[in-house]
Amino acid sequence: MIQRIGARMGLSSEDIEWAGFLVRQHLLMVKTALRRDLNDEQVILRFANEIKTLHQLKMLYLLTFADIKAVGGDAWTSWKNILLMELFLKTSHFFEKNAVPESPL
């Protein structure tokens, strides 16, 4: 569906790929942060392997934040903020430590 909508909107193939990634993964970050043990390195490794790059992690974090905030003012709590930020920072550190090369997708 993203392919058709993106084409109708005149998006580039790269932008359509980005939109597809974000749509496919839009719940992964919140599910991982809220339902998994963030002190387990394997959890961070599996999450990082799904995300692939630091840039994609940043995009997914912003989408996750916007998605939760859009639900309503009470949906974004300090507890969710702490867990999502912890997942973001640990995954960022993983990418920096392992020097995963950046690529568009």
PDB file of N, CA and C in Angstrom:
ATOM      1  N   MET A   1       0.822  -1.188   0.000  1.00  0.00           N
ATOM      2  CA  MET A   1       0.000   0.000   0.000  1.00  0.00           C
ATOM      3  C   MET A   1       0.873   1.262   0.000  1.00  0.00           C
ATOM      4  N   ILE A   2       1.971   1.211   0.741  1.00  0.00           N
ATOM      5  CA  ILE A   2       2.880   2.359   0.797  1.00  0.00           C
ATOM      6  C   ILE A   2       3.413   2.691  -0.588  1.00  0.00           C
ATOM      7  N   GLN A   3       3.710   1.655  -1.372  1.00  0.00           N
ATOM      8  CA  GLN A   3       4.230   1.869  -2.729  1.00  0.00           C
ATOM      9  C   GLN A   3       3.243   2.690  -3.561  1.00  0.00           C
ATOM     10  N   ARG A   4       1.979   2.285  -3.528  1.00  0.00           N
ATOM     11  CA  ARG A   4       0.955   2.973  -4.333  1.00  0.00           C
ATOM     12  C   ARG A   4       0.728   4.397  -3.838  1.00  0.00           C
ATOM     13  N   ILE A   5       0.594   4.543  -2.540  1.00  0.00           N
ATOM     14  CA  ILE A   5       0.335   5.879  -1.976  1.00  0.00           C
ATOM     15  C   ILE A   5       1.529   6.795  -2.215  1.00  0.00           C
ATOM     16  N   GLY A   6       2.730   6.266  -1.967  1.00  0.00           N
ATOM     17  CA  GLY A   6       3.930   7.068  -2.183  1.00  0.00           C
ATOM     18  C   GLY A   6       4.075   7.513  -3.623  1.00  0.00           C
ATOM     19  N   ALA A   7       3.790   6.615  -4.542  1.00  0.00           N
ATOM     20  CA  ALA A   7       3.869   6.954  -5.972  1.00  0.00           C
ATOM     21  C   ALA A   7       2.843   8.026  -6.324  1.00  0.00           C
ATOM     22  N   ARG A   8       1.611   7.881  -5.807  1.00  0.00           N
ATOM     23  CA  ARG A   8       0.573   8.892  -6.063  1.00  0.00           C
ATOM     24  C   ARG A   8       0.967  10.252  -5.516  1.00  0.00           C
ATOM     25  N   MET A   9       1.681  10.246  -4.393  1.00  0.00           N
ATOM     26  CA  MET A   9       2.114  11.503  -3.770  1.00  0.00           C
ATOM     27  C   MET A   9       3.357  12.076  -4.441  1.00  0.00           C
ATOM     28  N   GLY A  10       3.964  11.311  -5.343  1.00  0.00           N
ATOM     29  CA  GLY A  10       5.147  11.773  -6.048  1.00  0.00           C
ATOM     30  C   GLY A  10       6.427  11.635  -5.230  1.00  0.00           C
ATOM     31  N   LEU A  11       6.427  10.739  -4.246  1.00  0.00           N
ATOM     32  CA  LEU A  11       7.622  10.536  -3.431  1.00  0.00           C
ATOM     33  C   LEU A  11       8.691   9.793  -4.219  1.00  0.00           C
ATOM     34  N   SER A  12       9.933  10.051  -3.875  1.00  0.00           N
ATOM     35  CA  SER A  12      11.034   9.327  -4.501  1.00  0.00           C
ATOM     36  C   SER A  12      11.016   7.885  -3.996  1.00  0.00           C
ATOM     37  N   SER A  13      11.701   7.009  -4.718  1.00  0.00           N
ATOM     38  CA  SER A  13      11.747   5.610  -4.278  1.00  0.00           C
ATOM     39  C   SER A  13      12.435   5.498  -2.920  1.00  0.00           C
ATOM     40  N   GLU A  14      13.413   6.331  -2.647  1.00  0.00           N
ATOM     41  CA  GLU A  14      14.079   6.325  -1.333  1.00  0.00           C
ATOM     42  C   GLU A  14      13.103   6.722  -0.222  1.00  0.00           C
ATOM     43  N   ASP A  15      12.291   7.750  -0.462  1.00  0.00           N
ATOM     44  CA  ASP A  15      11.304   8.172   0.535  1.00  0.00           C
ATOM     45  C   ASP A  15      10.231   7.098   0.746  1.00  0.00           C
ATOM     46  N   ILE A  16       9.871   6.415  -0.317  1.00  0.00           N
ATOM     47  CA  ILE A  16       8.897   5.328  -0.199  1.00  0.00           C
ATOM     48  C   ILE A  16       9.492   4.198   0.637  1.00  0.00           C
ATOM     49  N   GLU A  17      10.779   3.898   0.432  1.00  0.00           N
ATOM     50  CA  GLU A  17      11.457   2.876   1.243  1.00  0.00           C
ATOM     51  C   GLU A  17      11.445   3.275   2.718  1.00  0.00           C
ATOM     52  N   TRP A  18      11.759   4.550   3.005  1.00  0.00           N
ATOM     53  CA  TRP A  18      11.755   5.036   4.396  1.00  0.00           C
ATOM     54  C   TRP A  18      10.368   4.905   5.016  1.00  0.00           C
ATOM     55  N   ALA A  19       9.374   5.332   4.277  1.00  0.00           N
ATOM     56  CA  ALA A  19       8.003   5.251   4.789  1.00  0.00           C
ATOM     57  C   ALA A  19       7.619   3.796   5.042  1.00  0.00           C
ATOM     58  N   GLY A  20       7.999   2.907   4.151  1.00  0.00           N
ATOM     59  CA  GLY A  20       7.710   1.485   4.331  1.00  0.00           C
ATOM     60  C   GLY A  20       8.380   0.926   5.574  1.00  0.00           C
ATOM     61  N   PHE A  21       9.638   1.288   5.778  1.00  0.00           N
ATOM     62  CA  PHE A  21      10.346   0.845   6.977  1.00  0.00           C
ATOM     63  C   PHE A  21       9.620   1.319   8.233  1.00  0.00           C
ATOM     64  N   LEU A  22       9.264   2.585   8.265  1.00  0.00           N
ATOM     65  CA  LEU A  22       8.616   3.150   9.455  1.00  0.00           C
ATOM     66  C   LEU A  22       7.243   2.526   9.700  1.00  0.00           C
ATOM     67  N   VAL A  23       6.502   2.275   8.639  1.00  0.00           N
ATOM     68  CA  VAL A  23       5.184   1.639   8.798  1.00  0.00           C
ATOM     69  C   VAL A  23       5.350   0.210   9.318  1.00  0.00           C
ATOM     70  N   ARG A  24       6.289  -0.528   8.727  1.00  0.00           N
ATOM     71  CA  ARG A  24       6.499  -1.927   9.154  1.00  0.00           C
ATOM     72  C   ARG A  24       6.976  -2.018  10.606  1.00  0.00           C
ATOM     73  N   GLN A  25       7.793  -1.083  11.034  1.00  0.00           N
ATOM     74  CA  GLN A  25       8.428  -1.166  12.354  1.00  0.00           C
ATOM     75  C   GLN A  25       7.826  -0.219  13.388  1.00  0.00           C
ATOM     76  N   HIS A  26       6.718   0.430  13.088  1.00  0.00           N
ATOM     77  CA  HIS A  26       6.251   1.517  13.951  1.00  0.00           C
ATOM     78  C   HIS A  26       5.898   1.096  15.373  1.00  0.00           C
ATOM     79  N   LEU A  27       5.626  -0.159  15.627  1.00  0.00           N
ATOM     80  CA  LEU A  27       5.334  -0.598  16.995  1.00  0.00           C
ATOM     81  C   LEU A  27       6.496  -1.324  17.669  1.00  0.00           C
ATOM     82  N   LEU A  28       7.543  -1.613  16.914  1.00  0.00           N
ATOM     83  CA  LEU A  28       8.653  -2.398  17.449  1.00  0.00           C
ATOM     84  C   LEU A  28       9.328  -1.720  18.638  1.00  0.00           C
ATOM     85  N   MET A  29       9.567  -0.429  18.556  1.00  0.00           N
ATOM     86  CA  MET A  29      10.299   0.250  19.619  1.00  0.00           C
ATOM     87  C   MET A  29       9.501   0.271  20.917  1.00  0.00           C
ATOM     88  N   VAL A  30       8.227   0.618  20.834  1.00  0.00           N
ATOM     89  CA  VAL A  30       7.419   0.677  22.053  1.00  0.00           C
ATOM     90  C   VAL A  30       7.213  -0.716  22.637  1.00  0.00           C
ATOM     91  N   LYS A  31       7.007  -1.705  21.794  1.00  0.00           N
ATOM     92  CA  LYS A  31       6.844  -3.069  22.297  1.00  0.00           C
ATOM     93  C   LYS A  31       8.121  -3.557  22.975  1.00  0.00           C
ATOM     94  N   THR A  32       9.252  -3.277  22.369  1.00  0.00           N
ATOM     95  CA  THR A  32      10.521  -3.710  22.956  1.00  0.00           C
ATOM     96  C   THR A  32      10.781  -2.989  24.270  1.00  0.00           C
ATOM     97  N   ALA A  33      10.588  -1.687  24.286  1.00  0.00           N
ATOM     98  CA  ALA A  33      10.870  -0.900  25.494  1.00  0.00           C
ATOM     99  C   ALA A  33       9.965  -1.276  26.656  1.00  0.00           C
ATOM    100  N   LEU A  34       8.708  -1.539  26.380  1.00  0.00           N
ATOM    101  CA  LEU A  34       7.746  -1.775  27.454  1.00  0.00           C
ATOM    102  C   LEU A  34       7.594  -3.240  27.846  1.00  0.00           C
ATOM    103  N   ARG A  35       8.018  -4.150  26.980  1.00  0.00           N
ATOM    104  CA  ARG A  35       7.752  -5.569  27.247  1.00  0.00           C
ATOM    105  C   ARG A  35       8.997  -6.437  27.390  1.00  0.00           C
ATOM    106  N   ARG A  36      10.163  -5.878  27.194  1.00  0.00           N
ATOM    107  CA  ARG A  36      11.392  -6.673  27.234  1.00  0.00           C
ATOM    108  C   ARG A  36      12.330  -6.153  28.316  1.00  0.00           C
ATOM    109  N   ASP A  37      13.264  -7.008  28.725  1.00  0.00           N
ATOM    110  CA  ASP A  37      14.275  -6.648  29.721  1.00  0.00           C
ATOM    111  C   ASP A  37      15.394  -5.889  29.020  1.00  0.00           C
ATOM    112  N   LEU A  38      15.461  -4.589  29.236  1.00  0.00           N
ATOM    113  CA  LEU A  38      16.447  -3.760  28.552  1.00  0.00           C
ATOM    114  C   LEU A  38      17.855  -3.936  29.109  1.00  0.00           C
ATOM    115  N   ASN A  39      17.992  -4.703  30.178  1.00  0.00           N
ATOM    116  CA  ASN A  39      19.319  -5.028  30.702  1.00  0.00           C
ATOM    117  C   ASN A  39      19.884  -6.289  30.055  1.00  0.00           C
ATOM    118  N   ASP A  40      19.090  -6.953  29.249  1.00  0.00           N
ATOM    119  CA  ASP A  40      19.526  -8.146  28.525  1.00  0.00           C
ATOM    120  C   ASP A  40      20.152  -7.697  27.206  1.00  0.00           C
ATOM    121  N   GLU A  41      21.447  -7.932  27.053  1.00  0.00           N
ATOM    122  CA  GLU A  41      22.145  -7.498  25.842  1.00  0.00           C
ATOM    123  C   GLU A  41      21.575  -8.119  24.575  1.00  0.00           C
ATOM    124  N   GLN A  42      21.032  -9.327  24.688  1.00  0.00           N
ATOM    125  CA  GLN A  42      20.445  -9.990  23.520  1.00  0.00           C
ATOM    126  C   GLN A  42      19.206  -9.240  23.027  1.00  0.00           C
ATOM    127  N   VAL A  43      18.464  -8.642  23.942  1.00  0.00           N
ATOM    128  CA  VAL A  43      17.292  -7.846  23.559  1.00  0.00           C
ATOM    129  C   VAL A  43      17.747  -6.655  22.720  1.00  0.00           C
ATOM    130  N   ILE A  44      18.792  -5.971  23.183  1.00  0.00           N
ATOM    131  CA  ILE A  44      19.314  -4.808  22.455  1.00  0.00           C
ATOM    132  C   ILE A  44      19.883  -5.253  21.110  1.00  0.00           C
ATOM    133  N   LEU A  45      20.604  -6.359  21.097  1.00  0.00           N
ATOM    134  CA  LEU A  45      21.175  -6.869  19.848  1.00  0.00           C
ATOM    135  C   LEU A  45      20.084  -7.204  18.830  1.00  0.00           C
ATOM    136  N   ARG A  46      19.043  -7.918  19.259  1.00  0.00           N
ATOM    137  CA  ARG A  46      17.939  -8.256  18.337  1.00  0.00           C
ATOM    138  C   ARG A  46      17.255  -6.990  17.814  1.00  0.00           C
ATOM    139  N   PHE A  47      17.029  -6.028  18.713  1.00  0.00           N
ATOM    140  CA  PHE A  47      16.394  -4.774  18.301  1.00  0.00           C
ATOM    141  C   PHE A  47      17.284  -4.050  17.292  1.00  0.00           C
ATOM    142  N   ALA A  48      18.572  -3.936  17.581  1.00  0.00           N
ATOM    143  CA  ALA A  48      19.508  -3.253  16.674  1.00  0.00           C
ATOM    144  C   ALA A  48      19.561  -3.949  15.317  1.00  0.00           C
ATOM    145  N   ASN A  49      19.520  -5.264  15.307  1.00  0.00           N
ATOM    146  CA  ASN A  49      19.546  -5.996  14.045  1.00  0.00           C
ATOM    147  C   ASN A  49      18.292  -5.745  13.212  1.00  0.00           C
ATOM    148  N   GLU A  50      17.180  -5.491  13.865  1.00  0.00           N
ATOM    149  CA  GLU A  50      15.948  -5.144  13.143  1.00  0.00           C
ATOM    150  C   GLU A  50      16.033  -3.725  12.579  1.00  0.00           C
ATOM    151  N   ILE A  51      16.619  -2.826  13.342  1.00  0.00           N
ATOM    152  CA  ILE A  51      16.662  -1.408  12.963  1.00  0.00           C
ATOM    153  C   ILE A  51      17.749  -1.138  11.930  1.00  0.00           C
ATOM    154  N   LYS A  52      18.909  -1.730  12.102  1.00  0.00           N
ATOM    155  CA  LYS A  52      20.030  -1.709  11.159  1.00  0.00           C
ATOM    156  C   LYS A  52      20.958  -0.503  11.264  1.00  0.00           C
ATOM    157  N   THR A  53      20.469   0.732  11.397  1.00  0.00           N
ATOM    158  CA  THR A  53      21.363   1.894  11.424  1.00  0.00           C
ATOM    159  C   THR A  53      20.934   2.885  12.505  1.00  0.00           C
ATOM    160  N   LEU A  54      21.894   3.706  12.890  1.00  0.00           N
ATOM    161  CA  LEU A  54      21.619   4.758  13.870  1.00  0.00           C
ATOM    162  C   LEU A  54      20.597   5.750  13.322  1.00  0.00           C
ATOM    163  N   HIS A  55      20.700   6.065  12.049  1.00  0.00           N
ATOM    164  CA  HIS A  55      19.741   7.008  11.448  1.00  0.00           C
ATOM    165  C   HIS A  55      18.318   6.450  11.503  1.00  0.00           C
ATOM    166  N   GLN A  56      18.170   5.176  11.193  1.00  0.00           N
ATOM    167  CA  GLN A  56      16.846   4.563  11.255  1.00  0.00           C
ATOM    168  C   GLN A  56      16.333   4.516  12.684  1.00  0.00           C
ATOM    169  N   LEU A  57      17.231   4.308  13.650  1.00  0.00           N
ATOM    170  CA  LEU A  57      16.851   4.330  15.057  1.00  0.00           C
ATOM    171  C   LEU A  57      16.301   5.703  15.429  1.00  0.00           C
ATOM    172  N   LYS A  58      16.974   6.750  15.004  1.00  0.00           N
ATOM    173  CA  LYS A  58      16.523   8.116  15.305  1.00  0.00           C
ATOM    174  C   LYS A  58      15.147   8.380  14.694  1.00  0.00           C
ATOM    175  N   MET A  59      14.970   7.963  13.449  1.00  0.00           N
ATOM    176  CA  MET A  59      13.673   8.164  12.782  1.00  0.00           C
ATOM    177  C   MET A  59      12.571   7.401  13.506  1.00  0.00           C
ATOM    178  N   LEU A  60      12.868   6.167  13.912  1.00  0.00           N
ATOM    179  CA  LEU A  60      11.870   5.346  14.585  1.00  0.00           C
ATOM    180  C   LEU A  60      11.542   5.914  15.969  1.00  0.00           C
ATOM    181  N   TYR A  61      12.539   6.433  16.661  1.00  0.00           N
ATOM    182  CA  TYR A  61      12.290   7.044  17.966  1.00  0.00           C
ATOM    183  C   TYR A  61      11.344   8.240  17.817  1.00  0.00           C
ATOM    184  N   LEU A  62      11.617   9.088  16.841  1.00  0.00           N
ATOM    185  CA  LEU A  62      10.753  10.255  16.617  1.00  0.00           C
ATOM    186  C   LEU A  62       9.329   9.846  16.262  1.00  0.00           C
ATOM    187  N   LEU A  63       9.186   8.840  15.414  1.00  0.00           N
ATOM    188  CA  LEU A  63       7.851   8.353  15.058  1.00  0.00           C
ATOM    189  C   LEU A  63       7.144   7.775  16.279  1.00  0.00           C
ATOM    190  N   THR A  64       7.869   7.009  17.092  1.00  0.00           N
ATOM    191  CA  THR A  64       7.280   6.408  18.295  1.00  0.00           C
ATOM    192  C   THR A  64       6.806   7.491  19.246  1.00  0.00           C
ATOM    193  N   PHE A  65       7.630   8.497  19.453  1.00  0.00           N
ATOM    194  CA  PHE A  65       7.266   9.620  20.317  1.00  0.00           C
ATOM    195  C   PHE A  65       6.008  10.309  19.788  1.00  0.00           C
ATOM    196  N   ALA A  66       6.008  10.638  18.498  1.00  0.00           N
ATOM    197  CA  ALA A  66       4.862  11.327  17.897  1.00  0.00           C
ATOM    198  C   ALA A  66       3.599  10.473  17.957  1.00  0.00           C
ATOM    199  N   ASP A  67       3.740   9.183  17.726  1.00  0.00           N
ATOM    200  CA  ASP A  67       2.599   8.274  17.742  1.00  0.00           C
ATOM    201  C   ASP A  67       1.968   8.219  19.134  1.00  0.00           C
ATOM    202  N   ILE A  68       2.794   8.087  20.149  1.00  0.00           N
ATOM    203  CA  ILE A  68       2.261   8.022  21.518  1.00  0.00           C
ATOM    204  C   ILE A  68       1.652   9.365  21.923  1.00  0.00           C
ATOM    205  N   LYS A  69       2.324  10.459  21.602  1.00  0.00           N
ATOM    206  CA  LYS A  69       1.791  11.784  21.946  1.00  0.00           C
ATOM    207  C   LYS A  69       0.464  12.053  21.233  1.00  0.00           C
ATOM    208  N   ALA A  70       0.317  11.539  20.015  1.00  0.00           N
ATOM    209  CA  ALA A  70      -0.905  11.773  19.244  1.00  0.00           C
ATOM    210  C   ALA A  70      -2.108  11.060  19.839  1.00  0.00           C
ATOM    211  N   VAL A  71      -1.867  10.014  20.608  1.00  0.00           N
ATOM    212  CA  VAL A  71      -2.965   9.278  21.243  1.00  0.00           C
ATOM    213  C   VAL A  71      -3.700  10.184  22.224  1.00  0.00           C
ATOM    214  N   GLY A  72      -2.948  11.008  22.921  1.00  0.00           N
ATOM    215  CA  GLY A  72      -3.542  11.919  23.891  1.00  0.00           C
ATOM    216  C   GLY A  72      -2.494  12.346  24.905  1.00  0.00           C
ATOM    217  N   GLY A  73      -2.781  13.399  25.604  1.00  0.00           N
ATOM    218  CA  GLY A  73      -1.829  13.963  26.552  1.00  0.00           C
ATOM    219  C   GLY A  73      -1.392  13.016  27.648  1.00  0.00           C
ATOM    220  N   ASP A  74      -2.269  12.121  28.062  1.00  0.00           N
ATOM    221  CA  ASP A  74      -1.937  11.216  29.155  1.00  0.00           C
ATOM    222  C   ASP A  74      -1.206   9.960  28.690  1.00  0.00           C
ATOM    223  N   ALA A  75      -1.114   9.733  27.397  1.00  0.00           N
ATOM    224  CA  ALA A  75      -0.485   8.505  26.890  1.00  0.00           C
ATOM    225  C   ALA A  75       1.026   8.525  27.079  1.00  0.00           C
ATOM    226  N   TRP A  76       1.637   9.697  26.967  1.00  0.00           N
ATOM    227  CA  TRP A  76       3.090   9.818  27.148  1.00  0.00           C
ATOM    228  C   TRP A  76       3.349  10.041  28.632  1.00  0.00           C
ATOM    229  N   THR A  77       3.941   9.054  29.277  1.00  0.00           N
ATOM    230  CA  THR A  77       4.224   9.154  30.704  1.00  0.00           C
ATOM    231  C   THR A  77       5.733   9.188  30.929  1.00  0.00           C
ATOM    232  N   SER A  78       6.131   9.592  32.115  1.00  0.00           N
ATOM    233  CA  SER A  78       7.564   9.614  32.422  1.00  0.00           C
ATOM    234  C   SER A  78       8.133   8.193  32.387  1.00  0.00           C
ATOM    235  N   TRP A  79       7.323   7.213  32.767  1.00  0.00           N
ATOM    236  CA  TRP A  79       7.761   5.817  32.723  1.00  0.00           C
ATOM    237  C   TRP A  79       8.069   5.396  31.281  1.00  0.00           C
ATOM    238  N   LYS A  80       7.177   5.692  30.345  1.00  0.00           N
ATOM    239  CA  LYS A  80       7.416   5.364  28.936  1.00  0.00           C
ATOM    240  C   LYS A  80       8.621   6.133  28.410  1.00  0.00           C
ATOM    241  N   ASN A  81       8.727   7.395  28.799  1.00  0.00           N
ATOM    242  CA  ASN A  81       9.851   8.218  28.377  1.00  0.00           C
ATOM    243  C   ASN A  81      11.177   7.585  28.810  1.00  0.00           C
ATOM    244  N   ILE A  82      11.249   7.158  30.069  1.00  0.00           N
ATOM    245  CA  ILE A  82      12.477   6.556  30.593  1.00  0.00           C
ATOM    246  C   ILE A  82      12.824   5.274  29.843  1.00  0.00           C
ATOM    247  N   LEU A  83      11.843   4.408  29.640  1.00  0.00           N
ATOM    248  CA  LEU A  83      12.108   3.139  28.965  1.00  0.00           C
ATOM    249  C   LEU A  83      12.486   3.334  27.499  1.00  0.00           C
ATOM    250  N   LEU A  84      11.781   4.206  26.808  1.00  0.00           N
ATOM    251  CA  LEU A  84      12.101   4.454  25.399  1.00  0.00           C
ATOM    252  C   LEU A  84      13.471   5.104  25.259  1.00  0.00           C
ATOM    253  N   MET A  85      13.801   6.037  26.156  1.00  0.00           N
ATOM    254  CA  MET A  85      15.104   6.688  26.103  1.00  0.00           C
ATOM    255  C   MET A  85      16.212   5.679  26.420  1.00  0.00           C
ATOM    256  N   GLU A  86      15.961   4.787  27.382  1.00  0.00           N
ATOM    257  CA  GLU A  86      16.953   3.755  27.710  1.00  0.00           C
ATOM    258  C   GLU A  86      17.205   2.851  26.502  1.00  0.00           C
ATOM    259  N   LEU A  87      16.148   2.418  25.837  1.00  0.00           N
ATOM    260  CA  LEU A  87      16.302   1.591  24.641  1.00  0.00           C
ATOM    261  C   LEU A  87      17.041   2.356  23.549  1.00  0.00           C
ATOM    262  N   PHE A  88      16.678   3.601  23.359  1.00  0.00           N
ATOM    263  CA  PHE A  88      17.336   4.436  22.346  1.00  0.00           C
ATOM    264  C   PHE A  88      18.829   4.564  22.644  1.00  0.00           C
ATOM    265  N   LEU A  89      19.177   4.904  23.879  1.00  0.00           N
ATOM    266  CA  LEU A  89      20.582   5.121  24.229  1.00  0.00           C
ATOM    267  C   LEU A  89      21.398   3.832  24.156  1.00  0.00           C
ATOM    268  N   LYS A  90      20.849   2.742  24.646  1.00  0.00           N
ATOM    269  CA  LYS A  90      21.583   1.474  24.592  1.00  0.00           C
ATOM    270  C   LYS A  90      21.780   1.011  23.153  1.00  0.00           C
ATOM    271  N   THR A  91      20.784   1.214  22.320  1.00  0.00           N
ATOM    272  CA  THR A  91      20.910   0.818  20.917  1.00  0.00           C
ATOM    273  C   THR A  91      21.865   1.754  20.187  1.00  0.00           C
ATOM    274  N   SER A  92      21.801   3.046  20.489  1.00  0.00           N
ATOM    275  CA  SER A  92      22.754   4.011  19.908  1.00  0.00           C
ATOM    276  C   SER A  92      24.179   3.614  20.265  1.00  0.00           C
ATOM    277  N   HIS A  93      24.385   3.285  21.530  1.00  0.00           N
ATOM    278  CA  HIS A  93      25.709   2.881  21.983  1.00  0.00           C
ATOM    279  C   HIS A  93      26.160   1.620  21.243  1.00  0.00           C
ATOM    280  N   PHE A  94      25.243   0.692  21.049  1.00  0.00           N
ATOM    281  CA  PHE A  94      25.566  -0.523  20.297  1.00  0.00           C
ATOM    282  C   PHE A  94      26.050  -0.173  18.895  1.00  0.00           C
ATOM    283  N   PHE A  95      25.332   0.710  18.201  1.00  0.00           N
ATOM    284  CA  PHE A  95      25.734   1.092  16.846  1.00  0.00           C
ATOM    285  C   PHE A  95      27.089   1.785  16.849  1.00  0.00           C
ATOM    286  N   GLU A  96      27.307   2.683  17.801  1.00  0.00           N
ATOM    287  CA  GLU A  96      28.581   3.403  17.869  1.00  0.00           C
ATOM    288  C   GLU A  96      29.725   2.456  18.211  1.00  0.00           C
ATOM    289  N   LYS A  97      29.508   1.553  19.154  1.00  0.00           N
ATOM    290  CA  LYS A  97      30.536   0.610  19.591  1.00  0.00           C
ATOM    291  C   LYS A  97      30.910  -0.358  18.478  1.00  0.00           C
ATOM    292  N   ASN A  98      29.933  -0.795  17.733  1.00  0.00           N
ATOM    293  CA  ASN A  98      30.178  -1.776  16.678  1.00  0.00           C
ATOM    294  C   ASN A  98      30.417  -1.149  15.321  1.00  0.00           C
ATOM    295  N   ALA A  99      30.400   0.167  15.280  1.00  0.00           N
ATOM    296  CA  ALA A  99      30.698   0.906  14.049  1.00  0.00           C
ATOM    297  C   ALA A  99      29.956   0.332  12.847  1.00  0.00           C
ATOM    298  N   VAL A 100      28.668   0.128  13.008  1.00  0.00           N
ATOM    299  CA  VAL A 100      27.848  -0.358  11.894  1.00  0.00           C
ATOM    300  C   VAL A 100      27.784   0.748  10.861  1.00  0.00           C
ATOM    301  N   PRO A 101      28.191   0.480   9.612  1.00  0.00           N
ATOM    302  CA  PRO A 101      28.173   1.527   8.601  1.00  0.00           C
ATOM    303  C   PRO A 101      26.752   2.018   8.312  1.00  0.00           C
ATOM    304  N   GLU A 102      26.617   3.301   8.160  1.00  0.00           N
ATOM    305  CA  GLU A 102      25.318   3.896   7.847  1.00  0.00           C
ATOM    306  C   GLU A 102      24.982   3.612   6.383  1.00  0.00           C
ATOM    307  N   SER A 103      23.745   3.231   6.159  1.00  0.00           N
ATOM    308  CA  SER A 103      23.251   3.065   4.795  1.00  0.00           C
ATOM    309  C   SER A 103      21.801   3.494   4.780  1.00  0.00           C
ATOM    310  N   PRO A 104      21.285   3.960   3.662  1.00  0.00           N
ATOM    311  CA  PRO A 104      19.917   4.459   3.626  1.00  0.00           C
ATOM    312  C   PRO A 104      18.894   3.439   4.107  1.00  0.00           C
ATOM    313  N   LEU A 105      18.942   2.219   3.643  1.00  0.00           N
ATOM    314  CA  LEU A 105      18.003   1.171   4.088  1.00  0.00           C
ATOM    315  C   LEU A 105      18.592  -0.178   3.874  1.00  0.00           C
TER     316      LEU A 105
END
